[in-house]
C-alpha atoms as a PDB file:
ATOM      1  CA  UNK A   1      -6.231  16.494  20.636  1.00  0.00           C
ATOM      2  CA  UNK A   2      -9.167  17.781  18.589  1.00  0.00           C
ATOM      3  CA  UNK A   3      -7.585  16.471  15.381  1.00  0.00           C
ATOM      4  CA  UNK A   4      -6.920  13.052  16.940  1.00  0.00           C
ATOM      5  CA  UNK A   5     -10.541  12.865  18.074  1.00  0.00           C
ATOM      6  CA  UNK A   6     -11.692  13.779  14.556  1.00  0.00           C
ATOM      7  CA  UNK A   7      -9.567  10.967  13.124  1.00  0.00           C
ATOM      8  CA  UNK A   8     -11.054   8.494  15.595  1.00  0.00           C
ATOM      9  CA  UNK A   9     -14.547   9.548  14.540  1.00  0.00           C
ATOM     10  CA  UNK A  10     -13.602   9.267  10.858  1.00  0.00           C
ATOM     11  CA  UNK A  11     -12.155   5.796  11.413  1.00  0.00           C
ATOM     12  CA  UNK A  12     -15.248   4.615  13.277  1.00  0.00           C
ATOM     13  CA  UNK A  13     -17.418   5.985  10.492  1.00  0.00           C
ATOM     14  CA  UNK A  14     -15.488   4.311   7.671  1.00  0.00           C
ATOM     15  CA  UNK A  15     -14.479   1.082   9.418  1.00  0.00           C
ATOM     16  CA  UNK A  16     -14.787  -1.781   6.966  1.00  0.00           C
ATOM     17  CA  UNK A  17     -13.577   0.337   4.046  1.00  0.00           C
ATOM     18  CA  UNK A  18      -9.989  -0.119   2.923  1.00  0.00           C
ATOM     19  CA  UNK A  19      -9.315   3.596   3.105  1.00  0.00           C
ATOM     20  CA  UNK A  20     -10.317   3.669   6.794  1.00  0.00           C
ATOM     21  CA  UNK A  21      -6.648   2.862   7.472  1.00  0.00           C
ATOM     22  CA  UNK A  22      -5.786   6.470   6.564  1.00  0.00           C
ATOM     23  CA  UNK A  23      -7.840   7.634   9.555  1.00  0.00           C
ATOM     24  CA  UNK A  24      -6.660   4.931  11.941  1.00  0.00           C
ATOM     25  CA  UNK A  25      -3.039   5.831  11.200  1.00  0.00           C
ATOM     26  CA  UNK A  26      -3.170   9.511  10.145  1.00  0.00           C
ATOM     27  CA  UNK A  27      -0.202  11.210   8.532  1.00  0.00           C
ATOM     28  CA  UNK A  28      -0.657  14.601  10.174  1.00  0.00           C
ATOM     29  CA  UNK A  29      -1.988  16.505   7.144  1.00  0.00           C
ATOM     30  CA  UNK A  30      -4.972  16.044   4.840  1.00  0.00           C
ATOM     31  CA  UNK A  31      -2.764  15.770   1.766  1.00  0.00           C
ATOM     32  CA  UNK A  32      -0.631  13.053   3.410  1.00  0.00           C
ATOM     33  CA  UNK A  33      -3.712  11.052   4.359  1.00  0.00           C
ATOM     34  CA  UNK A  34      -4.833  11.292   0.730  1.00  0.00           C
ATOM     35  CA  UNK A  35      -1.422  10.147  -0.514  1.00  0.00           C
ATOM     36  CA  UNK A  36      -1.604   7.224   1.907  1.00  0.00           C
ATOM     37  CA  UNK A  37      -4.785   5.996   0.217  1.00  0.00           C
ATOM     38  CA  UNK A  38      -2.716   5.206  -2.884  1.00  0.00           C
ATOM     39  CA  UNK A  39      -2.198   1.783  -4.339  1.00  0.00           C
ATOM     40  CA  UNK A  40       0.827   0.005  -2.992  1.00  0.00           C
ATOM     41  CA  UNK A  41       1.507   2.614  -0.320  1.00  0.00           C
ATOM     42  CA  UNK A  42       1.154   0.122   2.544  1.00  0.00           C
ATOM     43  CA  UNK A  43       2.923  -2.768   0.859  1.00  0.00           C
ATOM     44  CA  UNK A  44       3.455  -4.498  -2.445  1.00  0.00           C
ATOM     45  CA  UNK A  45      -0.051  -5.719  -3.207  1.00  0.00           C
ATOM     46  CA  UNK A  46      -0.913  -2.693  -5.360  1.00  0.00           C
ATOM     47  CA  UNK A  47      -4.447  -2.371  -3.996  1.00  0.00           C
ATOM     48  CA  UNK A  48      -6.299   0.834  -4.832  1.00  0.00           C
ATOM     49  CA  UNK A  49      -8.398   2.010  -1.897  1.00  0.00           C
ATOM     50  CA  UNK A  50     -10.413   4.731  -3.687  1.00  0.00           C
ATOM     51  CA  UNK A  51     -12.054   2.965  -6.582  1.00  0.00           C
ATOM     52  CA  UNK A  52     -15.051   5.139  -7.444  1.00  0.00           C
ATOM     53  CA  UNK A  53     -16.254   8.731  -7.385  1.00  0.00           C
ATOM     54  CA  UNK A  54     -18.527   7.751  -4.499  1.00  0.00           C
ATOM     55  CA  UNK A  55     -15.502   6.426  -2.579  1.00  0.00           C
ATOM     56  CA  UNK A  56     -13.724   9.742  -3.137  1.00  0.00           C
ATOM     57  CA  UNK A  57     -16.683  11.792  -1.893  1.00  0.00           C
ATOM     58  CA  UNK A  58     -17.098   9.533   1.132  1.00  0.00           C
ATOM     59  CA  UNK A  59     -13.387   9.804   1.964  1.00  0.00           C
ATOM     60  CA  UNK A  60     -13.364  13.597   1.614  1.00  0.00           C
ATOM     61  CA  UNK A  61     -16.428  13.960   3.816  1.00  0.00           C
ATOM     62  CA  UNK A  62     -15.063  11.599   6.472  1.00  0.00           C
ATOM     63  CA  UNK A  63     -11.730  13.461   6.408  1.00  0.00           C
ATOM     64  CA  UNK A  64     -13.516  16.737   7.083  1.00  0.00           C
ATOM     65  CA  UNK A  65     -12.465  18.200   3.741  1.00  0.00           C
ATOM     66  CA  UNK A  66     -16.112  18.518   2.701  1.00  0.00           C
ATOM     67  CA  UNK A  67     -19.106  19.336   4.852  1.00  0.00           C
ATOM     68  CA  UNK A  68     -22.156  17.120   4.603  1.00  0.00           C
ATOM     69  CA  UNK A  69     -24.001  19.691   2.506  1.00  0.00           C
ATOM     70  CA  UNK A  70     -21.010  20.187   0.182  1.00  0.00           C
ATOM     71  CA  UNK A  71     -20.601  16.446  -0.270  1.00  0.00           C
ATOM     72  CA  UNK A  72     -24.318  16.108  -1.035  1.00  0.00           C
ATOM     73  CA  UNK A  73     -24.102  18.798  -3.734  1.00  0.00           C
ATOM     74  CA  UNK A  74     -21.054  17.228  -5.310  1.00  0.00           C
ATOM     75  CA  UNK A  75     -22.547  13.731  -5.246  1.00  0.00           C
ATOM     76  CA  UNK A  76     -25.599  15.143  -7.057  1.00  0.00           C
ATOM     77  CA  UNK A  77     -23.334  16.809  -9.627  1.00  0.00           C
ATOM     78  CA  UNK A  78     -21.520  13.509 -10.170  1.00  0.00           C
ATOM     79  CA  UNK A  79     -24.769  11.571 -10.498  1.00  0.00           C
ATOM     80  CA  UNK A  80     -25.951  14.075 -13.108  1.00  0.00           C
ATOM     81  CA  UNK A  81     -22.833  13.603 -15.196  1.00  0.00           C
ATOM     82  CA  UNK A  82     -21.270  10.145 -14.640  1.00  0.00           C
ATOM     83  CA  UNK A  83     -18.660  10.647 -17.329  1.00  0.00           C
ATOM     84  CA  UNK A  84     -17.504  13.928 -15.787  1.00  0.00           C
ATOM     85  CA  UNK A  85     -17.418  12.243 -12.372  1.00  0.00           C
ATOM     86  CA  UNK A  86     -15.209   9.455 -13.730  1.00  0.00           C
ATOM     87  CA  UNK A  87     -12.888  11.970 -15.360  1.00  0.00           C
ATOM     88  CA  UNK A  88     -12.671  13.935 -12.144  1.00  0.00           C
ATOM     89  CA  UNK A  89     -11.820  10.773 -10.192  1.00  0.00           C
ATOM     90  CA  UNK A  90      -8.987  10.076 -12.635  1.00  0.00           C
ATOM     91  CA  UNK A  91      -7.727  13.635 -12.186  1.00  0.00           C
ATOM     92  CA  UNK A  92      -7.849  13.370  -8.395  1.00  0.00           C
ATOM     93  CA  UNK A  93      -5.918  10.098  -8.441  1.00  0.00           C
ATOM     94  CA  UNK A  94      -3.420  11.602 -10.895  1.00  0.00           C
ATOM     95  CA  UNK A  95      -2.902  14.540  -8.540  1.00  0.00           C
ATOM     96  CA  UNK A  96      -2.468  12.168  -5.604  1.00  0.00           C
ATOM     97  CA  UNK A  97       0.186  10.116  -7.377  1.00  0.00           C
ATOM     98  CA  UNK A  98       2.098  13.208  -8.554  1.00  0.00           C
ATOM     99  CA  UNK A  99       2.055  14.650  -5.042  1.00  0.00           C
ATOM    100  CA  UNK A 100       3.168  11.331  -3.538  1.00  0.00           C
ATOM    101  CA  UNK A 101       6.114  11.192  -5.961  1.00  0.00           C
ATOM    102  CA  UNK A 102       7.130  14.743  -5.014  1.00  0.00           C
ATOM    103  CA  UNK A 103       6.916  13.987  -1.298  1.00  0.00           C
ATOM    104  CA  UNK A 104       8.702  10.642  -1.567  1.00  0.00           C
ATOM    105  CA  UNK A 105      11.479  12.347  -3.526  1.00  0.00           C
ATOM    106  CA  UNK A 106      11.782  14.821  -0.673  1.00  0.00           C
ATOM    107  CA  UNK A 107      12.183  12.029   1.897  1.00  0.00           C
ATOM    108  CA  UNK A 108      14.993  10.590  -0.245  1.00  0.00           C
ATOM    109  CA  UNK A 109      16.690  13.975  -0.796  1.00  0.00           C
ATOM    110  CA  UNK A 110      15.990  13.765  -4.529  1.00  0.00           C
ATOM    111  CA  UNK A 111      14.768  16.526  -6.823  1.00  0.00           C
ATOM    112  CA  UNK A 112      11.060  16.346  -7.651  1.00  0.00           C
ATOM    113  CA  UNK A 113      10.122  15.756 -11.288  1.00  0.00           C
ATOM    114  CA  UNK A 114       9.230  19.033 -13.022  1.00  0.00           C
ATOM    115  CA  UNK A 115       6.106  17.506 -14.605  1.00  0.00           C
ATOM    116  CA  UNK A 116       4.796  16.544 -11.161  1.00  0.00           C
ATOM    117  CA  UNK A 117       5.347  20.063  -9.858  1.00  0.00           C
ATOM    118  CA  UNK A 118       3.591  21.487 -12.911  1.00  0.00           C
ATOM    119  CA  UNK A 119       0.591  19.234 -12.326  1.00  0.00           C
ATOM    120  CA  UNK A 120       0.317  20.411  -8.701  1.00  0.00           C
ATOM    121  CA  UNK A 121       0.674  24.025  -9.836  1.00  0.00           C
ATOM    122  CA  UNK A 122      -2.010  23.534 -12.492  1.00  0.00           C
ATOM    123  CA  UNK A 123      -4.513  22.076 -10.023  1.00  0.00           C
ATOM    124  CA  UNK A 124      -3.769  24.850  -7.525  1.00  0.00           C
ATOM    125  CA  UNK A 125      -4.634  27.481 -10.129  1.00  0.00           C
ATOM    126  CA  UNK A 126      -7.609  25.521 -11.453  1.00  0.00           C
ATOM    127  CA  UNK A 127      -9.258  25.162  -8.051  1.00  0.00           C
ATOM    128  CA  UNK A 128      -8.325  28.604  -6.655  1.00  0.00           C
ATOM    129  CA  UNK A 129     -11.744  30.083  -7.464  1.00  0.00           C
ATOM    130  CA  UNK A 130     -13.333  27.824  -4.861  1.00  0.00           C
ATOM    131  CA  UNK A 131     -11.150  29.108  -1.996  1.00  0.00           C
ATOM    132  CA  UNK A 132     -12.559  31.587   0.516  1.00  0.00           C
ATOM    133  CA  UNK A 133     -10.691  33.425   3.270  1.00  0.00           C
ATOM    134  CA  UNK A 134     -12.466  33.076   6.594  1.00  0.00           C
ATOM    135  CA  UNK A 135     -11.876  33.997  10.238  1.00  0.00           C
ATOM    136  CA  UNK A 136     -10.819  31.391  12.789  1.00  0.00           C
ATOM    137  CA  UNK A 137     -10.100  31.467  16.511  1.00  0.00           C
ATOM    138  CA  UNK A 138      -6.377  31.691  15.675  1.00  0.00           C
ATOM    139  CA  UNK A 139      -6.716  34.283  12.914  1.00  0.00           C
ATOM    140  CA  UNK A 140      -7.592  33.459   9.310  1.00  0.00           C
ATOM    141  CA  UNK A 141      -7.640  30.384   7.090  1.00  0.00           C
ATOM    142  CA  UNK A 142      -8.630  29.295   3.639  1.00  0.00           C
ATOM    143  CA  UNK A 143     -11.867  27.343   3.399  1.00  0.00           C
ATOM    144  CA  UNK A 144     -13.958  25.848   0.624  1.00  0.00           C
ATOM    145  CA  UNK A 145     -16.747  27.930  -0.894  1.00  0.00           C
ATOM    146  CA  UNK A 146     -19.897  26.538   0.721  1.00  0.00           C
ATOM    147  CA  UNK A 147     -21.869  27.256  -2.444  1.00  0.00           C
ATOM    148  CA  UNK A 148     -19.448  25.463  -4.747  1.00  0.00           C
ATOM    149  CA  UNK A 149     -21.121  22.615  -6.604  1.00  0.00           C
ATOM    150  CA  UNK A 150     -18.688  22.140  -9.518  1.00  0.00           C
ATOM    151  CA  UNK A 151     -16.705  18.929  -9.249  1.00  0.00           C
ATOM    152  CA  UNK A 152     -13.420  20.855  -9.251  1.00  0.00           C
ATOM    153  CA  UNK A 153     -14.368  22.259  -5.838  1.00  0.00           C
ATOM    154  CA  UNK A 154     -13.894  18.839  -4.234  1.00  0.00           C
ATOM    155  CA  UNK A 155     -10.180  18.827  -4.990  1.00  0.00           C
ATOM    156  CA  UNK A 156      -9.462  22.262  -3.509  1.00  0.00           C
ATOM    157  CA  UNK A 157      -9.020  21.234   0.164  1.00  0.00           C
ATOM    158  CA  UNK A 158      -6.448  18.591  -0.776  1.00  0.00           C
ATOM    159  CA  UNK A 159      -4.598  20.940  -3.132  1.00  0.00           C
ATOM    160  CA  UNK A 160      -4.600  23.666  -0.464  1.00  0.00           C
ATOM    161  CA  UNK A 161      -3.203  21.226   2.093  1.00  0.00           C
ATOM    162  CA  UNK A 162      -0.535  20.030  -0.336  1.00  0.00           C
ATOM    163  CA  UNK A 163       0.728  23.483  -1.304  1.00  0.00           C
ATOM    164  CA  UNK A 164       0.541  24.598   2.316  1.00  0.00           C
ATOM    165  CA  UNK A 165       2.774  21.702   3.379  1.00  0.00           C
ATOM    166  CA  UNK A 166       5.206  22.067   0.481  1.00  0.00           C
ATOM    167  CA  UNK A 167       5.766  25.741   1.299  1.00  0.00           C
ATOM    168  CA  UNK A 168       5.919  25.484   5.097  1.00  0.00           C
ATOM    169  CA  UNK A 169       8.605  24.664   7.659  1.00  0.00           C
ATOM    170  CA  UNK A 170       6.659  21.484   8.498  1.00  0.00           C
ATOM    171  CA  UNK A 171       8.085  19.905   5.362  1.00  0.00           C
ATOM    172  CA  UNK A 172      11.328  19.360   7.279  1.00  0.00           C
ATOM    173  CA  UNK A 173       9.441  16.856   9.460  1.00  0.00           C
ATOM    174  CA  UNK A 174       8.143  14.824   6.536  1.00  0.00           C
ATOM    175  CA  UNK A 175       9.017  11.141   6.794  1.00  0.00           C
ATOM    176  CA  UNK A 176       8.410   7.902   4.962  1.00  0.00           C
ATOM    177  CA  UNK A 177       7.948   4.729   7.009  1.00  0.00           C
ATOM    178  CA  UNK A 178      11.275   3.012   7.642  1.00  0.00           C
ATOM    179  CA  UNK A 179      10.040  -0.331   6.303  1.00  0.00           C
ATOM    180  CA  UNK A 180      11.368  -1.061   2.824  1.00  0.00           C
ATOM    181  CA  UNK A 181       7.917  -2.223   1.688  1.00  0.00           C
ATOM    182  CA  UNK A 182       5.859   0.607   3.234  1.00  0.00           C
ATOM    183  CA  UNK A 183       5.530   4.028   1.641  1.00  0.00           C
ATOM    184  CA  UNK A 184       3.297   5.577   4.313  1.00  0.00           C
ATOM    185  CA  UNK A 185       3.979   9.304   4.644  1.00  0.00           C
ATOM    186  CA  UNK A 186       3.704  11.215   7.902  1.00  0.00           C
ATOM    187  CA  UNK A 187       4.908  14.261   9.801  1.00  0.00           C
ATOM    188  CA  UNK A 188       7.293  13.386  12.601  1.00  0.00           C
ATOM    189  CA  UNK A 189       5.957  15.439  15.502  1.00  0.00           C
ATOM    190  CA  UNK A 190       8.244  13.944  18.154  1.00  0.00           C
ATOM    191  CA  UNK A 191      10.421  16.483  19.984  1.00  0.00           C
ATOM    192  CA  UNK A 192      13.680  14.859  18.916  1.00  0.00           C
ATOM    193  CA  UNK A 193      12.564  13.862  15.405  1.00  0.00           C
ATOM    194  CA  UNK A 194      13.042  10.163  16.103  1.00  0.00           C
ATOM    195  CA  UNK A 195       9.876   8.611  14.661  1.00  0.00           C
ATOM    196  CA  UNK A 196      10.707   5.937  12.078  1.00  0.00           C
ATOM    197  CA  UNK A 197       7.554   3.944  11.463  1.00  0.00           C
ATOM    198  CA  UNK A 198       4.015   4.545  10.235  1.00  0.00           C
ATOM    199  CA  UNK A 199       3.162   2.822  13.525  1.00  0.00           C
ATOM    200  CA  UNK A 200       5.158   0.647  15.897  1.00  0.00           C
ATOM    201  CA  UNK A 201       2.392  -1.979  16.145  1.00  0.00           C
ATOM    202  CA  UNK A 202       2.773  -2.979  12.485  1.00  0.00           C
ATOM    203  CA  UNK A 203       5.912  -1.995  10.575  1.00  0.00           C
ATOM    204  CA  UNK A 204       7.962  -1.208  13.676  1.00  0.00           C
ATOM    205  CA  UNK A 205       7.446  -4.630  15.223  1.00  0.00           C
ATOM    206  CA  UNK A 206       7.821  -6.372  11.865  1.00  0.00           C
ATOM    207  CA  UNK A 207      11.216  -4.796  11.277  1.00  0.00           C
ATOM    208  CA  UNK A 208      12.318  -5.700  14.818  1.00  0.00           C
ATOM    209  CA  UNK A 209      11.378  -9.332  14.188  1.00  0.00           C
ATOM    210  CA  UNK A 210      13.275  -9.325  10.884  1.00  0.00           C
ATOM    211  CA  UNK A 211      16.405  -7.899  12.529  1.00  0.00           C
ATOM    212  CA  UNK A 212      16.175 -10.452  15.340  1.00  0.00           C
ATOM    213  CA  UNK A 213      15.910 -13.337  12.867  1.00  0.00           C
ATOM    214  CA  UNK A 214      18.796 -11.951  10.824  1.00  0.00           C
ATOM    215  CA  UNK A 215      20.959 -11.728  13.954  1.00  0.00           C
ATOM    216  CA  UNK A 216      20.057 -15.285  14.928  1.00  0.00           C
ATOM    217  CA  UNK A 217      20.939 -16.492  11.428  1.00  0.00           C
ATOM    218  CA  UNK A 218      24.338 -14.761  11.546  1.00  0.00           C
ATOM    219  CA  UNK A 219      25.166 -16.191  14.981  1.00  0.00           C
ATOM    220  CA  UNK A 220      24.052 -19.729  14.079  1.00  0.00           C
END
């Protein structure tokens, strides 16, 4: 419930931005929401939703991956070195696309490309110095170093989420939307594992209409 409320707040905060869709229709994990911001994920138009370093910082803050103070520090670091900020954005998008390919391969029962796994492994090691073990109500969890101001720190929460999902039993509930033109990734949290669509209101209904028309055509 708390996570759903956080997503509603994030959506309200980013409404009007293309990437707000990732909060309106969350995938169930930070790394999946990040993958779902990718170009072409929601159809065939190949629209990139995170175009600038500022977009990336805004998305990470809205997603709860960065606190306001952390995001402020990182924005200042990016403003002080625009070229480094642009390079970091390219790295983040490269990580996103590699992770999406690995996860999509999993949904299709295919082996992940070794170069994609190496890239994820490299970013995990590269950002590890920004991880801090902290106490939670449930026990312990990794968190981002509050003092971290290097650009690499911004990628750590996503990398942590990705590796956590890839190495957990939750991976068995990973799904891709059942529409042939939608690559939205999500965790199927239904008791019987029956969820097929990113959401029934869009792809689910669209596929129902297509099947109905196809049936009418066959019976005509």
